[in-house]
Amino acid sequence: MSKEFVKKALKLLHIEVSEKTENLFVQIFKFAIVGVVATVIDFLFLYIFKEFFKLNTIVSNTLSFLISVIYNYIASVKWVFDVNKEKDAKKQFIIFMIFSALGLLLNDLIMFLCVDKLNIYYMLAKVIATMVVMVFNFVTRKMFLE
């Protein structure tokens, strides 16, 4: 379904690309879908932890991020990336989690700077952090999962 959608979109825009580039567009499209769902999960749990459980912003952000990472791992391995089947699954999971932890640190740092230092509303800060970490996640997952 996603490959046909991307092909139609490229044709509609009168863009001709190689099969390799087309496959990259399909992968980015799938990554975007998974990312949107993961972002909804992340924001929803951030709001729940912050507003209902009255947890600290960074604690709420960390917990919500971890929940979304679990979903993201499963979806990324099953649907987005052409995971190298020859690599050890445990090793791939560990690599994924290491880069997710780095993404979390980056996310928390941006949240801290925006909320505590710049007085930006926490949900707006989360949008900023999410955009930065999204690029980091795609690049690292593309490099180390395939």
N, C-alpha and C. Protein backbone atom coordinates (compact mmCIF):
# COMPACT_ATOMS: atom_id res chain seq x y z
N MET A 1 0.81 -1.19 0.00
CA MET A 1 0.00 0.00 0.00
C MET A 1 0.86 1.26 0.00
N SER A 2 1.84 1.34 0.87
CA SER A 2 2.66 2.56 0.97
C SER A 2 3.50 2.77 -0.28
N LYS A 3 3.98 1.67 -0.88
CA LYS A 3 4.79 1.80 -2.10
C LYS A 3 3.94 2.37 -3.24
N GLU A 4 2.71 1.89 -3.38
CA GLU A 4 1.83 2.41 -4.42
C GLU A 4 1.50 3.88 -4.17
N PHE A 5 1.28 4.22 -2.91
CA PHE A 5 0.97 5.61 -2.57
C PHE A 5 2.12 6.54 -2.96
N VAL A 6 3.33 6.14 -2.62
CA VAL A 6 4.51 6.95 -2.94
C VAL A 6 4.69 7.05 -4.45
N LYS A 7 4.51 5.93 -5.16
CA LYS A 7 4.63 5.95 -6.62
C LYS A 7 3.63 6.93 -7.24
N LYS A 8 2.38 6.88 -6.77
CA LYS A 8 1.35 7.78 -7.29
C LYS A 8 1.68 9.23 -6.97
N ALA A 9 2.17 9.48 -5.76
CA ALA A 9 2.52 10.85 -5.36
C ALA A 9 3.65 11.39 -6.23
N LEU A 10 4.66 10.58 -6.46
CA LEU A 10 5.78 11.01 -7.31
C LEU A 10 5.32 11.27 -8.74
N LYS A 11 4.45 10.39 -9.25
CA LYS A 11 3.93 10.56 -10.61
C LYS A 11 3.09 11.83 -10.70
N LEU A 12 2.25 12.06 -9.71
CA LEU A 12 1.41 13.25 -9.67
C LEU A 12 2.24 14.53 -9.66
N LEU A 13 3.38 14.47 -8.98
CA LEU A 13 4.28 15.62 -8.90
C LEU A 13 5.26 15.68 -10.08
N HIS A 14 5.12 14.73 -11.01
CA HIS A 14 5.99 14.65 -12.18
C HIS A 14 7.46 14.53 -11.78
N ILE A 15 7.71 13.68 -10.80
CA ILE A 15 9.07 13.45 -10.32
C ILE A 15 9.47 12.02 -10.69
N GLU A 16 10.56 11.91 -11.41
CA GLU A 16 11.08 10.60 -11.76
C GLU A 16 12.33 10.33 -10.93
N VAL A 17 12.34 9.18 -10.30
CA VAL A 17 13.48 8.81 -9.45
C VAL A 17 13.86 7.36 -9.73
N SER A 18 15.05 7.01 -9.31
CA SER A 18 15.49 5.62 -9.45
C SER A 18 14.71 4.76 -8.46
N GLU A 19 14.77 3.46 -8.67
CA GLU A 19 14.09 2.54 -7.76
C GLU A 19 14.65 2.65 -6.34
N LYS A 20 15.95 2.84 -6.24
CA LYS A 20 16.58 2.98 -4.93
C LYS A 20 16.05 4.22 -4.20
N THR A 21 15.93 5.33 -4.91
CA THR A 21 15.41 6.56 -4.32
C THR A 21 13.93 6.39 -3.97
N GLU A 22 13.20 5.72 -4.85
CA GLU A 22 11.79 5.46 -4.58
C GLU A 22 11.64 4.63 -3.30
N ASN A 23 12.47 3.61 -3.15
CA ASN A 23 12.44 2.78 -1.94
C ASN A 23 12.75 3.61 -0.70
N LEU A 24 13.68 4.56 -0.83
CA LEU A 24 13.99 5.44 0.30
C LEU A 24 12.78 6.30 0.65
N PHE A 25 12.09 6.82 -0.36
CA PHE A 25 10.87 7.60 -0.12
C PHE A 25 9.81 6.75 0.58
N VAL A 26 9.66 5.51 0.16
CA VAL A 26 8.70 4.60 0.79
C VAL A 26 9.08 4.40 2.25
N GLN A 27 10.35 4.20 2.50
CA GLN A 27 10.83 4.00 3.86
C GLN A 27 10.59 5.24 4.72
N ILE A 28 10.86 6.40 4.18
CA ILE A 28 10.62 7.65 4.91
C ILE A 28 9.13 7.81 5.19
N PHE A 29 8.29 7.45 4.22
CA PHE A 29 6.83 7.52 4.40
C PHE A 29 6.40 6.60 5.55
N LYS A 30 6.90 5.37 5.55
CA LYS A 30 6.57 4.43 6.63
C LYS A 30 7.09 4.94 7.97
N PHE A 31 8.32 5.47 7.96
CA PHE A 31 8.90 6.03 9.18
C PHE A 31 8.02 7.16 9.70
N ALA A 32 7.49 7.97 8.80
CA ALA A 32 6.63 9.08 9.20
C ALA A 32 5.34 8.58 9.85
N ILE A 33 4.74 7.54 9.27
CA ILE A 33 3.52 6.98 9.86
C ILE A 33 3.79 6.44 11.25
N VAL A 34 4.84 5.64 11.37
CA VAL A 34 5.21 5.10 12.68
C VAL A 34 5.52 6.24 13.64
N GLY A 35 6.21 7.25 13.14
CA GLY A 35 6.57 8.40 13.97
C GLY A 35 5.37 9.17 14.46
N VAL A 36 4.37 9.34 13.61
CA VAL A 36 3.16 10.05 14.03
C VAL A 36 2.46 9.28 15.15
N VAL A 37 2.33 7.97 14.98
CA VAL A 37 1.69 7.16 16.03
C VAL A 37 2.52 7.21 17.31
N ALA A 38 3.83 7.06 17.19
CA ALA A 38 4.71 7.13 18.37
C ALA A 38 4.62 8.49 19.04
N THR A 39 4.51 9.54 18.25
CA THR A 39 4.41 10.89 18.79
C THR A 39 3.10 11.07 19.55
N VAL A 40 2.01 10.55 19.00
CA VAL A 40 0.72 10.62 19.70
C VAL A 40 0.81 9.88 21.03
N ILE A 41 1.40 8.70 21.01
CA ILE A 41 1.59 7.93 22.25
C ILE A 41 2.43 8.75 23.24
N ASP A 42 3.53 9.30 22.77
CA ASP A 42 4.44 10.08 23.60
C ASP A 42 3.73 11.29 24.22
N PHE A 43 3.05 12.08 23.41
CA PHE A 43 2.37 13.28 23.90
C PHE A 43 1.23 12.93 24.84
N LEU A 44 0.48 11.89 24.51
CA LEU A 44 -0.64 11.47 25.35
C LEU A 44 -0.17 11.08 26.74
N PHE A 45 0.87 10.24 26.80
CA PHE A 45 1.37 9.82 28.10
C PHE A 45 2.08 10.95 28.84
N LEU A 46 2.74 11.84 28.12
CA LEU A 46 3.33 13.02 28.76
C LEU A 46 2.24 13.81 29.47
N TYR A 47 1.15 14.06 28.77
CA TYR A 47 0.03 14.82 29.34
C TYR A 47 -0.57 14.09 30.54
N ILE A 48 -0.79 12.79 30.42
CA ILE A 48 -1.36 12.00 31.51
C ILE A 48 -0.46 12.05 32.74
N PHE A 49 0.84 11.79 32.55
CA PHE A 49 1.76 11.79 33.69
C PHE A 49 1.87 13.17 34.33
N LYS A 50 1.89 14.20 33.51
CA LYS A 50 2.07 15.58 34.02
C LYS A 50 0.79 16.10 34.66
N GLU A 51 -0.34 15.95 33.98
CA GLU A 51 -1.58 16.57 34.44
C GLU A 51 -2.36 15.72 35.45
N PHE A 52 -2.38 14.42 35.27
CA PHE A 52 -3.17 13.57 36.16
C PHE A 52 -2.37 13.02 37.33
N PHE A 53 -1.12 12.64 37.07
CA PHE A 53 -0.28 12.09 38.13
C PHE A 53 0.60 13.15 38.77
N LYS A 54 0.60 14.36 38.20
CA LYS A 54 1.34 15.51 38.74
C LYS A 54 2.83 15.22 38.89
N LEU A 55 3.38 14.45 37.96
CA LEU A 55 4.81 14.17 37.99
C LEU A 55 5.58 15.34 37.40
N ASN A 56 6.83 15.44 37.78
CA ASN A 56 7.75 16.44 37.24
C ASN A 56 7.79 16.32 35.71
N THR A 57 8.04 17.43 35.04
CA THR A 57 8.05 17.45 33.57
C THR A 57 9.07 16.47 32.99
N ILE A 58 10.28 16.46 33.53
CA ILE A 58 11.32 15.57 32.98
C ILE A 58 10.99 14.11 33.26
N VAL A 59 10.46 13.80 34.43
CA VAL A 59 10.06 12.43 34.74
C VAL A 59 8.92 12.00 33.81
N SER A 60 7.94 12.87 33.64
CA SER A 60 6.81 12.58 32.74
C SER A 60 7.30 12.37 31.32
N ASN A 61 8.21 13.22 30.88
CA ASN A 61 8.77 13.12 29.53
C ASN A 61 9.54 11.81 29.35
N THR A 62 10.32 11.44 30.34
CA THR A 62 11.11 10.21 30.26
C THR A 62 10.20 8.99 30.17
N LEU A 63 9.19 8.93 31.01
CA LEU A 63 8.27 7.79 31.00
C LEU A 63 7.50 7.69 29.69
N SER A 64 6.99 8.82 29.22
CA SER A 64 6.22 8.81 27.97
C SER A 64 7.12 8.43 26.79
N PHE A 65 8.34 8.92 26.80
CA PHE A 65 9.29 8.61 25.73
C PHE A 65 9.58 7.11 25.71
N LEU A 66 9.78 6.51 26.88
CA LEU A 66 10.08 5.09 26.95
C LEU A 66 8.92 4.24 26.43
N ILE A 67 7.70 4.62 26.76
CA ILE A 67 6.53 3.90 26.26
C ILE A 67 6.48 3.97 24.73
N SER A 68 6.72 5.15 24.20
CA SER A 68 6.66 5.30 22.74
C SER A 68 7.81 4.56 22.05
N VAL A 69 8.95 4.44 22.71
CA VAL A 69 10.10 3.73 22.13
C VAL A 69 9.79 2.24 21.96
N ILE A 70 9.07 1.67 22.90
CA ILE A 70 8.71 0.25 22.79
C ILE A 70 7.86 0.03 21.54
N TYR A 71 6.84 0.87 21.37
CA TYR A 71 6.02 0.79 20.16
C TYR A 71 6.89 0.99 18.91
N ASN A 72 7.73 2.02 18.97
CA ASN A 72 8.56 2.38 17.82
C ASN A 72 9.50 1.25 17.42
N TYR A 73 10.07 0.57 18.38
CA TYR A 73 10.97 -0.54 18.08
C TYR A 73 10.23 -1.63 17.30
N ILE A 74 9.09 -2.03 17.83
CA ILE A 74 8.33 -3.11 17.20
C ILE A 74 7.93 -2.72 15.78
N ALA A 75 7.39 -1.51 15.62
CA ALA A 75 6.95 -1.06 14.30
C ALA A 75 8.12 -0.88 13.33
N SER A 76 9.23 -0.37 13.83
CA SER A 76 10.40 -0.15 12.97
C SER A 76 10.97 -1.46 12.45
N VAL A 77 11.07 -2.43 13.32
CA VAL A 77 11.65 -3.72 12.93
C VAL A 77 10.70 -4.50 12.02
N LYS A 78 9.41 -4.43 12.31
CA LYS A 78 8.43 -5.20 11.54
C LYS A 78 8.06 -4.56 10.21
N TRP A 79 8.11 -3.21 10.12
CA TRP A 79 7.50 -2.56 8.96
C TRP A 79 8.37 -1.54 8.24
N VAL A 80 9.20 -0.79 8.96
CA VAL A 80 9.90 0.34 8.34
C VAL A 80 11.24 -0.05 7.73
N PHE A 81 12.09 -0.61 8.54
CA PHE A 81 13.46 -0.87 8.11
C PHE A 81 13.63 -2.31 7.64
N ASP A 82 14.48 -2.47 6.64
CA ASP A 82 14.81 -3.79 6.13
C ASP A 82 15.89 -4.35 7.05
N VAL A 83 15.42 -4.87 8.17
CA VAL A 83 16.34 -5.31 9.22
C VAL A 83 17.16 -6.48 8.72
N ASN A 84 18.45 -6.37 8.94
CA ASN A 84 19.39 -7.41 8.53
C ASN A 84 19.13 -8.66 9.36
N LYS A 85 18.57 -9.68 8.71
CA LYS A 85 18.20 -10.92 9.41
C LYS A 85 19.42 -11.72 9.87
N GLU A 86 20.57 -11.43 9.27
CA GLU A 86 21.78 -12.15 9.64
C GLU A 86 22.36 -11.65 10.96
N LYS A 87 21.99 -10.43 11.34
CA LYS A 87 22.48 -9.90 12.61
C LYS A 87 21.69 -10.50 13.76
N ASP A 88 22.32 -10.58 14.89
CA ASP A 88 21.70 -11.10 16.09
C ASP A 88 20.59 -10.15 16.55
N ALA A 89 19.38 -10.70 16.76
CA ALA A 89 18.23 -9.88 17.16
C ALA A 89 18.47 -9.18 18.50
N LYS A 90 19.12 -9.87 19.43
CA LYS A 90 19.42 -9.24 20.73
C LYS A 90 20.34 -8.05 20.54
N LYS A 91 21.35 -8.24 19.70
CA LYS A 91 22.30 -7.16 19.44
C LYS A 91 21.60 -5.97 18.80
N GLN A 92 20.71 -6.23 17.85
CA GLN A 92 19.96 -5.15 17.20
C GLN A 92 19.09 -4.41 18.21
N PHE A 93 18.44 -5.16 19.10
CA PHE A 93 17.60 -4.54 20.12
C PHE A 93 18.45 -3.67 21.04
N ILE A 94 19.61 -4.16 21.44
CA ILE A 94 20.50 -3.39 22.32
C ILE A 94 20.96 -2.11 21.62
N ILE A 95 21.33 -2.22 20.35
CA ILE A 95 21.74 -1.02 19.59
C ILE A 95 20.59 -0.03 19.50
N PHE A 96 19.39 -0.55 19.20
CA PHE A 96 18.21 0.30 19.12
C PHE A 96 17.99 1.03 20.45
N MET A 97 18.10 0.30 21.54
CA MET A 97 17.87 0.90 22.86
C MET A 97 18.96 1.91 23.24
N ILE A 98 20.20 1.64 22.84
CA ILE A 98 21.28 2.60 23.11
C ILE A 98 21.00 3.92 22.39
N PHE A 99 20.64 3.83 21.11
CA PHE A 99 20.33 5.06 20.38
C PHE A 99 19.04 5.71 20.87
N SER A 100 18.11 4.90 21.33
CA SER A 100 16.89 5.47 21.93
C SER A 100 17.24 6.20 23.23
N ALA A 101 18.16 5.64 24.01
CA ALA A 101 18.59 6.31 25.24
C ALA A 101 19.27 7.64 24.92
N LEU A 102 20.09 7.65 23.88
CA LEU A 102 20.72 8.91 23.46
C LEU A 102 19.65 9.90 22.99
N GLY A 103 18.65 9.40 22.27
CA GLY A 103 17.53 10.24 21.85
C GLY A 103 16.77 10.78 23.05
N LEU A 104 16.60 9.94 24.06
CA LEU A 104 15.94 10.38 25.29
C LEU A 104 16.74 11.47 25.99
N LEU A 105 18.05 11.30 26.08
CA LEU A 105 18.88 12.33 26.70
C LEU A 105 18.77 13.65 25.94
N LEU A 106 18.80 13.57 24.63
CA LEU A 106 18.65 14.76 23.80
C LEU A 106 17.26 15.38 24.01
N ASN A 107 16.24 14.54 24.05
CA ASN A 107 14.87 14.98 24.28
C ASN A 107 14.74 15.67 25.64
N ASP A 108 15.25 15.02 26.68
CA ASP A 108 15.18 15.60 28.03
C ASP A 108 15.98 16.90 28.14
N LEU A 109 17.13 16.96 27.48
CA LEU A 109 17.94 18.18 27.50
C LEU A 109 17.18 19.34 26.86
N ILE A 110 16.58 19.07 25.72
CA ILE A 110 15.81 20.12 25.04
C ILE A 110 14.61 20.53 25.90
N MET A 111 13.93 19.56 26.50
CA MET A 111 12.80 19.87 27.38
C MET A 111 13.26 20.72 28.56
N PHE A 112 14.36 20.35 29.19
CA PHE A 112 14.88 21.10 30.33
C PHE A 112 15.21 22.53 29.94
N LEU A 113 15.94 22.68 28.85
CA LEU A 113 16.33 24.02 28.41
C LEU A 113 15.10 24.87 28.06
N CYS A 114 14.18 24.28 27.33
CA CYS A 114 12.99 25.04 26.91
C CYS A 114 12.06 25.37 28.08
N VAL A 115 11.78 24.39 28.92
CA VAL A 115 10.81 24.59 30.00
C VAL A 115 11.43 25.33 31.18
N ASP A 116 12.55 24.83 31.68
CA ASP A 116 13.12 25.39 32.91
C ASP A 116 13.96 26.64 32.69
N LYS A 117 14.59 26.76 31.55
CA LYS A 117 15.46 27.92 31.31
C LYS A 117 14.81 29.00 30.46
N LEU A 118 14.01 28.59 29.47
CA LEU A 118 13.41 29.56 28.56
C LEU A 118 11.93 29.80 28.84
N ASN A 119 11.38 29.08 29.82
CA ASN A 119 9.97 29.24 30.22
C ASN A 119 8.98 28.98 29.08
N ILE A 120 9.27 28.02 28.24
CA ILE A 120 8.37 27.65 27.15
C ILE A 120 7.40 26.60 27.69
N TYR A 121 6.13 26.72 27.31
CA TYR A 121 5.10 25.76 27.71
C TYR A 121 5.56 24.35 27.36
N TYR A 122 5.37 23.40 28.28
CA TYR A 122 5.96 22.08 28.13
C TYR A 122 5.52 21.34 26.86
N MET A 123 4.29 21.54 26.42
CA MET A 123 3.84 20.84 25.21
C MET A 123 4.50 21.44 23.95
N LEU A 124 4.72 22.73 23.93
CA LEU A 124 5.44 23.36 22.81
C LEU A 124 6.90 22.91 22.82
N ALA A 125 7.48 22.84 24.01
CA ALA A 125 8.86 22.35 24.14
C ALA A 125 8.96 20.91 23.62
N LYS A 126 7.92 20.13 23.87
CA LYS A 126 7.91 18.74 23.41
C LYS A 126 7.88 18.68 21.88
N VAL A 127 7.16 19.60 21.25
CA VAL A 127 7.14 19.65 19.78
C VAL A 127 8.55 19.92 19.25
N ILE A 128 9.24 20.87 19.84
CA ILE A 128 10.60 21.21 19.43
C ILE A 128 11.52 20.00 19.61
N ALA A 129 11.45 19.38 20.79
CA ALA A 129 12.29 18.22 21.09
C ALA A 129 12.00 17.07 20.14
N THR A 130 10.74 16.86 19.85
CA THR A 130 10.33 15.76 18.97
C THR A 130 10.89 15.94 17.56
N MET A 131 10.85 17.15 17.06
CA MET A 131 11.36 17.41 15.70
C MET A 131 12.86 17.12 15.61
N VAL A 132 13.60 17.53 16.62
CA VAL A 132 15.05 17.30 16.62
C VAL A 132 15.36 15.81 16.73
N VAL A 133 14.70 15.14 17.66
CA VAL A 133 14.98 13.73 17.92
C VAL A 133 14.50 12.85 16.76
N MET A 134 13.47 13.27 16.05
CA MET A 134 12.98 12.51 14.91
C MET A 134 14.08 12.35 13.85
N VAL A 135 14.78 13.40 13.55
CA VAL A 135 15.87 13.33 12.57
C VAL A 135 16.98 12.41 13.09
N PHE A 136 17.35 12.59 14.34
CA PHE A 136 18.37 11.75 14.98
C PHE A 136 17.96 10.28 14.88
N ASN A 137 16.70 9.97 15.20
CA ASN A 137 16.23 8.59 15.18
C ASN A 137 16.29 7.97 13.79
N PHE A 138 15.84 8.70 12.78
CA PHE A 138 15.85 8.12 11.43
C PHE A 138 17.27 7.81 10.99
N VAL A 139 18.16 8.75 11.18
CA VAL A 139 19.55 8.56 10.74
C VAL A 139 20.20 7.39 11.46
N THR A 140 20.07 7.33 12.78
CA THR A 140 20.73 6.25 13.52
C THR A 140 20.09 4.90 13.24
N ARG A 141 18.78 4.85 13.10
CA ARG A 141 18.13 3.56 12.82
C ARG A 141 18.45 3.08 11.42
N LYS A 142 18.51 3.98 10.49
CA LYS A 142 18.87 3.61 9.11
C LYS A 142 20.30 3.06 9.08
N MET A 143 21.20 3.69 9.82
CA MET A 143 22.60 3.28 9.83
C MET A 143 22.80 1.93 10.52
N PHE A 144 22.09 1.70 11.62
CA PHE A 144 22.43 0.55 12.45
C PHE A 144 21.43 -0.60 12.41
N LEU A 145 20.23 -0.40 11.86
CA LEU A 145 19.29 -1.51 11.77
C LEU A 145 19.39 -2.24 10.43
N GLU A 146 19.83 -1.54 9.41
CA GLU A 146 19.90 -2.17 8.09
C GLU A 146 21.30 -2.67 7.79
